[in-house]
Amino acid sequence: MEIFHNIREWLKKKWLSRDLDQALKARDRSGLNTKCRTLGVLVDEAVVQEFEGLYDWYAALNMAPKDIKVFTYLEVKKKLPTLRQNQLTNTDFDWQGHIDNPGAIEFIDTSFDVLLALYRPGNDLLDLVVAKSKSKFKVGSQGLNQELFDLSLAVAPERLALMQSEFVKYMGILNKKL
């Protein structure tokens, strides 16, 4: 049984790698210079547990609170029932790397002006979500695959206060703030 599990995981990695390469090649970069009117945030709950404060960034970015969408990833689904709809788990990916989560597909297909990714390097599933995202400008936290992002901030994802100040600073420098 262990051999089948290992083969399945190997195949899954191969499919994810292939899908990631295809998504990078197909990326539309025409909206890179748009102002930040909408912000999508992709968060790994294992790294950033207190992510509710992300919704408060709207004031610093001169946005409306409704224009910030946070989507989270949790490696293993908790046994307790949850009302959270904007959550993705590793069970939402099949062995070919296809996503079977309507909320995640909607998040990926939303053309956010800016996508901020807060997770640690080595998470192939979140790399794929970022690569497939229709967001116009992508910002990553420290150490993430630079091919995926237009801007990489040298801030650990769990340091939210510093991340906010750096993010807002660079949005101003890049003339993306409203």
N, C-alpha and C. Protein backbone atom coordinates (compact mmCIF):
# COMPACT_ATOMS: atom_id res chain seq x y z
N MET A 1 0.82 -1.20 0.00
CA MET A 1 0.00 0.00 0.00
C MET A 1 0.86 1.26 0.00
N GLU A 2 1.98 1.21 0.69
CA GLU A 2 2.89 2.35 0.76
C GLU A 2 3.42 2.72 -0.63
N ILE A 3 3.69 1.73 -1.45
CA ILE A 3 4.21 1.97 -2.80
C ILE A 3 3.18 2.74 -3.63
N PHE A 4 1.90 2.37 -3.52
CA PHE A 4 0.86 3.07 -4.27
C PHE A 4 0.73 4.52 -3.82
N HIS A 5 0.86 4.73 -2.53
CA HIS A 5 0.80 6.10 -2.00
C HIS A 5 1.97 6.93 -2.55
N ASN A 6 3.16 6.36 -2.55
CA ASN A 6 4.34 7.07 -3.06
C ASN A 6 4.22 7.37 -4.55
N ILE A 7 3.71 6.42 -5.32
CA ILE A 7 3.51 6.63 -6.75
C ILE A 7 2.48 7.72 -6.98
N ARG A 8 1.41 7.70 -6.21
CA ARG A 8 0.36 8.71 -6.33
C ARG A 8 0.92 10.09 -6.03
N GLU A 9 1.71 10.21 -4.97
CA GLU A 9 2.31 11.50 -4.62
C GLU A 9 3.29 11.98 -5.68
N TRP A 10 4.06 11.05 -6.26
CA TRP A 10 5.00 11.40 -7.31
C TRP A 10 4.25 11.92 -8.54
N LEU A 11 3.18 11.21 -8.92
CA LEU A 11 2.36 11.65 -10.05
C LEU A 11 1.73 13.02 -9.79
N LYS A 12 1.26 13.21 -8.58
CA LYS A 12 0.64 14.48 -8.22
C LYS A 12 1.65 15.62 -8.37
N LYS A 13 2.87 15.42 -7.90
CA LYS A 13 3.92 16.45 -8.04
C LYS A 13 4.21 16.74 -9.51
N LYS A 14 4.26 15.69 -10.33
CA LYS A 14 4.50 15.86 -11.76
C LYS A 14 3.39 16.70 -12.42
N TRP A 15 2.13 16.36 -12.12
CA TRP A 15 0.99 17.09 -12.67
C TRP A 15 1.00 18.54 -12.19
N LEU A 16 1.29 18.75 -10.90
CA LEU A 16 1.33 20.11 -10.37
C LEU A 16 2.41 20.93 -11.07
N SER A 17 3.56 20.34 -11.27
CA SER A 17 4.66 21.02 -11.95
C SER A 17 4.28 21.39 -13.38
N ARG A 18 3.64 20.47 -14.07
CA ARG A 18 3.21 20.72 -15.44
C ARG A 18 2.16 21.83 -15.49
N ASP A 19 1.18 21.77 -14.60
CA ASP A 19 0.13 22.79 -14.55
C ASP A 19 0.71 24.16 -14.19
N LEU A 20 1.69 24.18 -13.30
CA LEU A 20 2.33 25.42 -12.91
C LEU A 20 3.05 26.05 -14.10
N ASP A 21 3.79 25.25 -14.85
CA ASP A 21 4.48 25.75 -16.04
C ASP A 21 3.50 26.30 -17.08
N GLN A 22 2.40 25.58 -17.30
CA GLN A 22 1.40 26.03 -18.26
C GLN A 22 0.76 27.36 -17.82
N ALA A 23 0.46 27.47 -16.52
CA ALA A 23 -0.17 28.68 -16.01
C ALA A 23 0.78 29.87 -16.12
N LEU A 24 2.06 29.66 -15.88
CA LEU A 24 3.04 30.75 -16.00
C LEU A 24 3.15 31.23 -17.45
N LYS A 25 3.13 30.29 -18.39
CA LYS A 25 3.23 30.66 -19.80
C LYS A 25 1.98 31.40 -20.29
N ALA A 26 0.83 31.08 -19.73
CA ALA A 26 -0.44 31.65 -20.19
C ALA A 26 -0.80 32.96 -19.49
N ARG A 27 0.02 33.44 -18.58
CA ARG A 27 -0.32 34.62 -17.78
C ARG A 27 -0.43 35.87 -18.63
N ASP A 28 -1.52 36.61 -18.39
CA ASP A 28 -1.76 37.88 -19.06
C ASP A 28 -1.17 38.99 -18.18
N ARG A 29 -0.18 39.69 -18.67
CA ARG A 29 0.48 40.75 -17.90
C ARG A 29 0.04 42.15 -18.33
N SER A 30 -1.06 42.26 -19.01
CA SER A 30 -1.49 43.55 -19.54
C SER A 30 -1.98 44.51 -18.45
N GLY A 31 -2.39 44.03 -17.29
CA GLY A 31 -2.93 44.91 -16.25
C GLY A 31 -1.97 45.21 -15.12
N LEU A 32 -0.68 45.05 -15.35
CA LEU A 32 0.31 45.25 -14.28
C LEU A 32 0.26 46.63 -13.64
N ASN A 33 -0.06 47.65 -14.39
CA ASN A 33 0.01 49.02 -13.88
C ASN A 33 -1.31 49.57 -13.36
N THR A 34 -2.31 48.72 -13.18
CA THR A 34 -3.61 49.19 -12.69
C THR A 34 -3.52 49.57 -11.22
N LYS A 35 -4.36 50.52 -10.83
CA LYS A 35 -4.47 50.92 -9.43
C LYS A 35 -5.06 49.77 -8.62
N CYS A 36 -4.78 49.77 -7.33
CA CYS A 36 -5.27 48.71 -6.45
C CYS A 36 -6.66 49.07 -5.93
N ARG A 37 -7.67 48.62 -6.66
CA ARG A 37 -9.06 48.82 -6.24
C ARG A 37 -9.61 47.59 -5.54
N THR A 38 -9.04 46.42 -5.88
CA THR A 38 -9.44 45.17 -5.23
C THR A 38 -8.19 44.41 -4.82
N LEU A 39 -8.25 43.77 -3.67
CA LEU A 39 -7.11 43.03 -3.13
C LEU A 39 -7.56 41.63 -2.74
N GLY A 40 -6.88 40.64 -3.27
CA GLY A 40 -7.10 39.26 -2.87
C GLY A 40 -5.90 38.82 -2.04
N VAL A 41 -6.16 38.15 -0.93
CA VAL A 41 -5.09 37.70 -0.06
C VAL A 41 -5.21 36.20 0.11
N LEU A 42 -4.12 35.48 -0.19
CA LEU A 42 -4.06 34.03 -0.05
C LEU A 42 -3.19 33.73 1.16
N VAL A 43 -3.76 33.06 2.16
CA VAL A 43 -3.09 32.87 3.45
C VAL A 43 -3.04 31.39 3.82
N ASP A 44 -1.87 30.93 4.26
CA ASP A 44 -1.73 29.60 4.84
C ASP A 44 -2.00 29.73 6.33
N GLU A 45 -3.06 29.09 6.81
CA GLU A 45 -3.46 29.19 8.22
C GLU A 45 -2.43 28.61 9.17
N ALA A 46 -1.56 27.72 8.69
CA ALA A 46 -0.51 27.18 9.54
C ALA A 46 0.56 28.24 9.81
N VAL A 47 0.68 29.21 8.94
CA VAL A 47 1.68 30.27 9.07
C VAL A 47 1.09 31.50 9.73
N VAL A 48 -0.09 31.92 9.31
CA VAL A 48 -0.75 33.12 9.83
C VAL A 48 -2.09 32.69 10.42
N GLN A 49 -2.12 32.54 11.75
CA GLN A 49 -3.37 32.11 12.38
C GLN A 49 -4.35 33.26 12.57
N GLU A 50 -3.84 34.45 12.88
CA GLU A 50 -4.70 35.61 13.13
C GLU A 50 -4.77 36.49 11.89
N PHE A 51 -5.50 36.04 10.89
CA PHE A 51 -5.55 36.75 9.61
C PHE A 51 -6.75 37.69 9.49
N GLU A 52 -7.61 37.74 10.48
CA GLU A 52 -8.80 38.61 10.41
C GLU A 52 -8.41 40.08 10.30
N GLY A 53 -7.24 40.45 10.82
CA GLY A 53 -6.77 41.83 10.74
C GLY A 53 -6.47 42.28 9.33
N LEU A 54 -6.33 41.34 8.40
CA LEU A 54 -6.07 41.70 7.00
C LEU A 54 -7.22 42.53 6.41
N TYR A 55 -8.41 42.30 6.90
CA TYR A 55 -9.56 43.06 6.40
C TYR A 55 -9.46 44.54 6.77
N ASP A 56 -8.65 44.86 7.81
CA ASP A 56 -8.51 46.24 8.25
C ASP A 56 -7.49 47.03 7.43
N TRP A 57 -6.83 46.40 6.48
CA TRP A 57 -5.85 47.09 5.66
C TRP A 57 -6.49 48.08 4.70
N TYR A 58 -7.81 48.00 4.52
CA TYR A 58 -8.48 48.84 3.53
C TYR A 58 -8.22 50.32 3.77
N ALA A 59 -8.17 50.76 5.03
CA ALA A 59 -7.99 52.18 5.33
C ALA A 59 -6.64 52.67 4.83
N ALA A 60 -5.58 51.90 5.08
CA ALA A 60 -4.23 52.30 4.66
C ALA A 60 -4.10 52.30 3.14
N LEU A 61 -4.94 51.53 2.47
CA LEU A 61 -4.88 51.43 1.00
C LEU A 61 -5.93 52.30 0.30
N ASN A 62 -6.71 53.07 1.10
CA ASN A 62 -7.78 53.92 0.56
C ASN A 62 -8.80 53.10 -0.23
N MET A 63 -9.18 51.96 0.32
CA MET A 63 -10.14 51.07 -0.32
C MET A 63 -11.38 50.93 0.56
N ALA A 64 -12.41 50.33 0.02
CA ALA A 64 -13.59 49.98 0.80
C ALA A 64 -13.36 48.59 1.40
N PRO A 65 -13.88 48.33 2.60
CA PRO A 65 -13.68 47.00 3.23
C PRO A 65 -14.14 45.84 2.36
N LYS A 66 -15.17 46.05 1.56
CA LYS A 66 -15.71 44.98 0.71
C LYS A 66 -14.76 44.59 -0.42
N ASP A 67 -13.75 45.42 -0.67
CA ASP A 67 -12.84 45.18 -1.78
C ASP A 67 -11.65 44.30 -1.42
N ILE A 68 -11.62 43.81 -0.18
CA ILE A 68 -10.55 42.90 0.23
C ILE A 68 -11.17 41.52 0.47
N LYS A 69 -10.63 40.52 -0.22
CA LYS A 69 -11.10 39.13 -0.07
C LYS A 69 -9.93 38.29 0.42
N VAL A 70 -10.16 37.57 1.52
CA VAL A 70 -9.14 36.70 2.08
C VAL A 70 -9.55 35.26 1.85
N PHE A 71 -8.63 34.48 1.30
CA PHE A 71 -8.87 33.06 1.07
C PHE A 71 -7.77 32.30 1.79
N THR A 72 -8.15 31.28 2.56
CA THR A 72 -7.17 30.57 3.38
C THR A 72 -6.96 29.14 2.91
N TYR A 73 -5.80 28.61 3.31
CA TYR A 73 -5.44 27.22 3.03
C TYR A 73 -5.13 26.55 4.35
N LEU A 74 -5.67 25.38 4.54
CA LEU A 74 -5.42 24.57 5.72
C LEU A 74 -5.06 23.19 5.22
N GLU A 75 -3.87 22.71 5.57
CA GLU A 75 -3.39 21.45 5.01
C GLU A 75 -4.36 20.30 5.24
N VAL A 76 -4.82 20.16 6.46
CA VAL A 76 -5.75 19.09 6.80
C VAL A 76 -7.01 19.71 7.38
N LYS A 77 -8.14 19.30 6.84
CA LYS A 77 -9.42 19.83 7.31
C LYS A 77 -9.64 19.43 8.76
N LYS A 78 -10.07 20.41 9.56
CA LYS A 78 -10.36 20.14 10.97
C LYS A 78 -11.61 19.28 11.07
N LYS A 79 -11.67 18.49 12.13
CA LYS A 79 -12.84 17.61 12.34
C LYS A 79 -14.09 18.41 12.71
N LEU A 80 -13.88 19.57 13.36
CA LEU A 80 -15.02 20.37 13.76
C LEU A 80 -15.65 21.05 12.55
N PRO A 81 -16.96 21.14 12.53
CA PRO A 81 -17.61 21.83 11.40
C PRO A 81 -17.27 23.32 11.44
N THR A 82 -17.15 23.90 10.26
CA THR A 82 -16.83 25.32 10.16
C THR A 82 -17.76 25.97 9.16
N LEU A 83 -18.03 27.25 9.38
CA LEU A 83 -18.88 28.00 8.45
C LEU A 83 -18.04 28.72 7.40
N ARG A 84 -16.73 28.62 7.53
CA ARG A 84 -15.84 29.32 6.60
C ARG A 84 -15.94 28.71 5.20
N GLN A 85 -16.26 29.55 4.22
CA GLN A 85 -16.39 29.08 2.85
C GLN A 85 -15.13 29.37 2.04
N ASN A 86 -14.38 30.36 2.44
CA ASN A 86 -13.19 30.76 1.70
C ASN A 86 -11.97 30.00 2.21
N GLN A 87 -12.06 28.69 2.14
CA GLN A 87 -10.97 27.85 2.65
C GLN A 87 -10.72 26.69 1.70
N LEU A 88 -9.45 26.38 1.54
CA LEU A 88 -9.00 25.31 0.66
C LEU A 88 -8.17 24.35 1.50
N THR A 89 -8.32 23.06 1.26
CA THR A 89 -7.49 22.07 1.94
C THR A 89 -6.81 21.19 0.90
N ASN A 90 -5.84 20.40 1.34
CA ASN A 90 -5.14 19.53 0.38
C ASN A 90 -6.06 18.47 -0.20
N THR A 91 -7.17 18.18 0.45
CA THR A 91 -8.11 17.20 -0.08
C THR A 91 -8.94 17.78 -1.23
N ASP A 92 -8.85 19.10 -1.44
CA ASP A 92 -9.56 19.74 -2.55
C ASP A 92 -8.80 19.63 -3.87
N PHE A 93 -7.62 18.99 -3.84
CA PHE A 93 -6.81 18.76 -5.03
C PHE A 93 -6.81 17.26 -5.31
N ASP A 94 -7.08 16.87 -6.56
CA ASP A 94 -6.98 15.45 -6.88
C ASP A 94 -5.54 15.11 -7.25
N TRP A 95 -5.28 13.88 -7.59
CA TRP A 95 -3.91 13.45 -7.86
C TRP A 95 -3.33 14.09 -9.11
N GLN A 96 -4.19 14.68 -9.95
CA GLN A 96 -3.72 15.38 -11.14
C GLN A 96 -3.57 16.88 -10.89
N GLY A 97 -3.82 17.31 -9.66
CA GLY A 97 -3.67 18.72 -9.33
C GLY A 97 -4.88 19.58 -9.66
N HIS A 98 -5.99 18.96 -10.08
CA HIS A 98 -7.21 19.71 -10.37
C HIS A 98 -7.85 20.12 -9.05
N ILE A 99 -8.39 21.32 -9.04
CA ILE A 99 -9.01 21.86 -7.83
C ILE A 99 -10.50 21.56 -7.85
N ASP A 100 -10.98 20.94 -6.77
CA ASP A 100 -12.39 20.59 -6.65
C ASP A 100 -12.99 21.37 -5.48
N ASN A 101 -12.97 22.69 -5.61
CA ASN A 101 -13.51 23.56 -4.58
C ASN A 101 -14.06 24.80 -5.28
N PRO A 102 -15.39 24.94 -5.34
CA PRO A 102 -15.98 26.07 -6.07
C PRO A 102 -15.51 27.43 -5.58
N GLY A 103 -15.31 27.57 -4.27
CA GLY A 103 -14.84 28.84 -3.73
C GLY A 103 -13.44 29.17 -4.20
N ALA A 104 -12.56 28.16 -4.26
CA ALA A 104 -11.19 28.37 -4.73
C ALA A 104 -11.17 28.71 -6.21
N ILE A 105 -12.01 28.05 -6.98
CA ILE A 105 -12.07 28.33 -8.42
C ILE A 105 -12.56 29.76 -8.65
N GLU A 106 -13.54 30.19 -7.87
CA GLU A 106 -14.03 31.57 -7.98
C GLU A 106 -12.93 32.56 -7.60
N PHE A 107 -12.17 32.27 -6.53
CA PHE A 107 -11.07 33.13 -6.10
C PHE A 107 -10.01 33.23 -7.21
N ILE A 108 -9.67 32.12 -7.80
CA ILE A 108 -8.67 32.09 -8.88
C ILE A 108 -9.16 32.88 -10.09
N ASP A 109 -10.43 32.75 -10.42
CA ASP A 109 -10.98 33.41 -11.61
C ASP A 109 -11.28 34.90 -11.41
N THR A 110 -11.25 35.37 -10.15
CA THR A 110 -11.49 36.78 -9.88
C THR A 110 -10.26 37.58 -10.29
N SER A 111 -10.48 38.60 -11.06
CA SER A 111 -9.37 39.42 -11.56
C SER A 111 -9.06 40.54 -10.57
N PHE A 112 -8.46 40.18 -9.43
CA PHE A 112 -8.07 41.18 -8.44
C PHE A 112 -7.01 42.09 -9.06
N ASP A 113 -7.02 43.35 -8.65
CA ASP A 113 -5.96 44.24 -9.11
C ASP A 113 -4.62 43.82 -8.50
N VAL A 114 -4.66 43.37 -7.24
CA VAL A 114 -3.45 42.89 -6.57
C VAL A 114 -3.78 41.63 -5.79
N LEU A 115 -2.88 40.65 -5.87
CA LEU A 115 -2.97 39.43 -5.07
C LEU A 115 -1.77 39.40 -4.15
N LEU A 116 -2.01 39.22 -2.86
CA LEU A 116 -0.94 39.10 -1.86
C LEU A 116 -0.93 37.68 -1.35
N ALA A 117 0.22 37.00 -1.44
CA ALA A 117 0.34 35.61 -1.01
C ALA A 117 1.17 35.53 0.27
N LEU A 118 0.59 34.96 1.31
CA LEU A 118 1.26 34.83 2.60
C LEU A 118 1.35 33.36 2.99
N TYR A 119 2.43 32.73 2.58
CA TYR A 119 2.70 31.35 2.94
C TYR A 119 4.20 31.10 2.84
N ARG A 120 4.63 29.96 3.34
CA ARG A 120 6.06 29.63 3.31
C ARG A 120 6.42 28.92 2.01
N PRO A 121 7.69 29.02 1.62
CA PRO A 121 8.14 28.33 0.40
C PRO A 121 7.94 26.81 0.51
N GLY A 122 7.75 26.18 -0.64
CA GLY A 122 7.61 24.73 -0.69
C GLY A 122 6.18 24.23 -0.73
N ASN A 123 5.21 25.12 -0.75
CA ASN A 123 3.81 24.71 -0.81
C ASN A 123 3.38 24.71 -2.28
N ASP A 124 3.53 23.54 -2.93
CA ASP A 124 3.22 23.43 -4.36
C ASP A 124 1.77 23.73 -4.68
N LEU A 125 0.87 23.41 -3.77
CA LEU A 125 -0.55 23.64 -4.02
C LEU A 125 -0.86 25.14 -4.07
N LEU A 126 -0.31 25.90 -3.14
CA LEU A 126 -0.55 27.35 -3.16
C LEU A 126 0.20 28.02 -4.30
N ASP A 127 1.37 27.49 -4.67
CA ASP A 127 2.06 28.00 -5.85
C ASP A 127 1.17 27.87 -7.08
N LEU A 128 0.49 26.74 -7.19
CA LEU A 128 -0.40 26.51 -8.33
C LEU A 128 -1.58 27.48 -8.30
N VAL A 129 -2.15 27.74 -7.12
CA VAL A 129 -3.25 28.69 -7.01
C VAL A 129 -2.80 30.07 -7.46
N VAL A 130 -1.60 30.49 -7.03
CA VAL A 130 -1.08 31.80 -7.43
C VAL A 130 -0.86 31.84 -8.94
N ALA A 131 -0.25 30.79 -9.48
CA ALA A 131 0.04 30.75 -10.92
C ALA A 131 -1.23 30.81 -11.75
N LYS A 132 -2.28 30.15 -11.30
CA LYS A 132 -3.54 30.12 -12.06
C LYS A 132 -4.39 31.37 -11.85
N SER A 133 -4.07 32.14 -10.81
CA SER A 133 -4.87 33.32 -10.48
C SER A 133 -4.89 34.32 -11.64
N LYS A 134 -6.06 34.91 -11.86
CA LYS A 134 -6.23 35.91 -12.91
C LYS A 134 -5.87 37.31 -12.42
N SER A 135 -5.32 37.42 -11.23
CA SER A 135 -4.94 38.71 -10.66
C SER A 135 -3.93 39.42 -11.55
N LYS A 136 -4.04 40.74 -11.58
CA LYS A 136 -3.21 41.53 -12.49
C LYS A 136 -1.79 41.73 -11.97
N PHE A 137 -1.63 41.89 -10.65
CA PHE A 137 -0.33 42.15 -10.03
C PHE A 137 -0.22 41.24 -8.81
N LYS A 138 0.86 40.48 -8.72
CA LYS A 138 1.00 39.49 -7.66
C LYS A 138 2.19 39.83 -6.77
N VAL A 139 1.93 39.81 -5.45
CA VAL A 139 2.94 40.14 -4.46
C VAL A 139 3.12 38.93 -3.55
N GLY A 140 4.38 38.54 -3.34
CA GLY A 140 4.67 37.38 -2.50
C GLY A 140 5.47 37.74 -1.28
N SER A 141 5.36 36.91 -0.25
CA SER A 141 6.15 37.11 0.96
C SER A 141 7.53 36.47 0.78
N GLN A 142 8.34 36.59 1.77
CA GLN A 142 9.74 36.18 1.73
C GLN A 142 9.96 34.73 1.30
N GLY A 143 10.87 34.55 0.34
CA GLY A 143 11.33 33.23 -0.05
C GLY A 143 10.49 32.48 -1.07
N LEU A 144 9.37 33.04 -1.50
CA LEU A 144 8.51 32.33 -2.44
C LEU A 144 9.10 32.37 -3.86
N ASN A 145 8.63 31.47 -4.70
CA ASN A 145 9.09 31.34 -6.07
C ASN A 145 8.91 32.65 -6.82
N GLN A 146 10.00 33.31 -7.18
CA GLN A 146 9.93 34.63 -7.79
C GLN A 146 9.34 34.63 -9.19
N GLU A 147 9.30 33.49 -9.85
CA GLU A 147 8.66 33.42 -11.17
C GLU A 147 7.16 33.71 -11.08
N LEU A 148 6.58 33.46 -9.92
CA LEU A 148 5.14 33.62 -9.75
C LEU A 148 4.72 35.06 -9.48
N PHE A 149 5.64 35.89 -9.02
CA PHE A 149 5.28 37.20 -8.48
C PHE A 149 5.92 38.35 -9.25
N ASP A 150 5.19 39.47 -9.24
CA ASP A 150 5.70 40.70 -9.83
C ASP A 150 6.52 41.48 -8.80
N LEU A 151 6.24 41.24 -7.52
CA LEU A 151 6.96 41.89 -6.43
C LEU A 151 7.08 40.90 -5.28
N SER A 152 8.31 40.76 -4.77
CA SER A 152 8.54 39.91 -3.59
C SER A 152 9.00 40.80 -2.45
N LEU A 153 8.30 40.71 -1.33
CA LEU A 153 8.66 41.49 -0.15
C LEU A 153 9.52 40.62 0.77
N ALA A 154 10.60 41.17 1.27
CA ALA A 154 11.52 40.43 2.14
C ALA A 154 11.02 40.45 3.59
N VAL A 155 9.77 39.99 3.76
CA VAL A 155 9.14 39.96 5.07
C VAL A 155 8.54 38.58 5.26
N ALA A 156 8.79 37.98 6.42
CA ALA A 156 8.19 36.68 6.72
C ALA A 156 6.67 36.84 6.78
N PRO A 157 5.92 35.87 6.25
CA PRO A 157 4.46 36.03 6.16
C PRO A 157 3.76 36.18 7.51
N GLU A 158 4.34 35.64 8.58
CA GLU A 158 3.67 35.72 9.89
C GLU A 158 3.84 37.08 10.56
N ARG A 159 4.68 37.95 10.03
CA ARG A 159 4.91 39.29 10.60
C ARG A 159 3.96 40.29 9.93
N LEU A 160 2.69 40.20 10.29
CA LEU A 160 1.65 40.97 9.59
C LEU A 160 1.80 42.48 9.71
N ALA A 161 2.19 42.99 10.86
CA ALA A 161 2.31 44.44 11.01
C ALA A 161 3.40 44.98 10.08
N LEU A 162 4.55 44.32 10.04
CA LEU A 162 5.62 44.73 9.14
C LEU A 162 5.21 44.51 7.69
N MET A 163 4.52 43.41 7.42
CA MET A 163 4.05 43.13 6.06
C MET A 163 3.12 44.25 5.59
N GLN A 164 2.21 44.68 6.47
CA GLN A 164 1.29 45.74 6.08
C GLN A 164 2.04 47.02 5.75
N SER A 165 2.98 47.42 6.60
CA SER A 165 3.69 48.67 6.33
C SER A 165 4.50 48.59 5.04
N GLU A 166 5.17 47.46 4.80
CA GLU A 166 5.95 47.30 3.57
C GLU A 166 5.04 47.25 2.34
N PHE A 167 3.94 46.52 2.46
CA PHE A 167 3.00 46.40 1.34
C PHE A 167 2.44 47.77 0.97
N VAL A 168 1.98 48.51 1.97
CA VAL A 168 1.41 49.84 1.72
C VAL A 168 2.48 50.77 1.15
N LYS A 169 3.70 50.68 1.68
CA LYS A 169 4.80 51.52 1.18
C LYS A 169 5.05 51.25 -0.30
N TYR A 170 5.15 49.98 -0.69
CA TYR A 170 5.43 49.65 -2.08
C TYR A 170 4.25 49.92 -3.00
N MET A 171 3.04 49.81 -2.51
CA MET A 171 1.89 50.16 -3.33
C MET A 171 1.92 51.66 -3.64
N GLY A 172 2.40 52.46 -2.67
CA GLY A 172 2.56 53.89 -2.89
C GLY A 172 3.68 54.19 -3.88
N ILE A 173 4.82 53.53 -3.71
CA ILE A 173 5.96 53.73 -4.61
C ILE A 173 5.59 53.37 -6.03
N LEU A 174 4.85 52.29 -6.20
CA LEU A 174 4.45 51.82 -7.53
C LEU A 174 3.21 52.54 -8.08
N ASN A 175 2.74 53.54 -7.32
CA ASN A 175 1.58 54.33 -7.72
C ASN A 175 0.34 53.46 -7.90
N LYS A 176 0.14 52.51 -7.01
CA LYS A 176 -1.03 51.63 -7.08
C LYS A 176 -2.11 52.03 -6.10
N LYS A 177 -1.75 52.84 -5.10
CA LYS A 177 -2.76 53.28 -4.12
C LYS A 177 -3.72 54.27 -4.75
N LEU A 178 -4.96 54.21 -4.33
CA LEU A 178 -5.97 55.14 -4.84
C LEU A 178 -5.80 56.51 -4.21
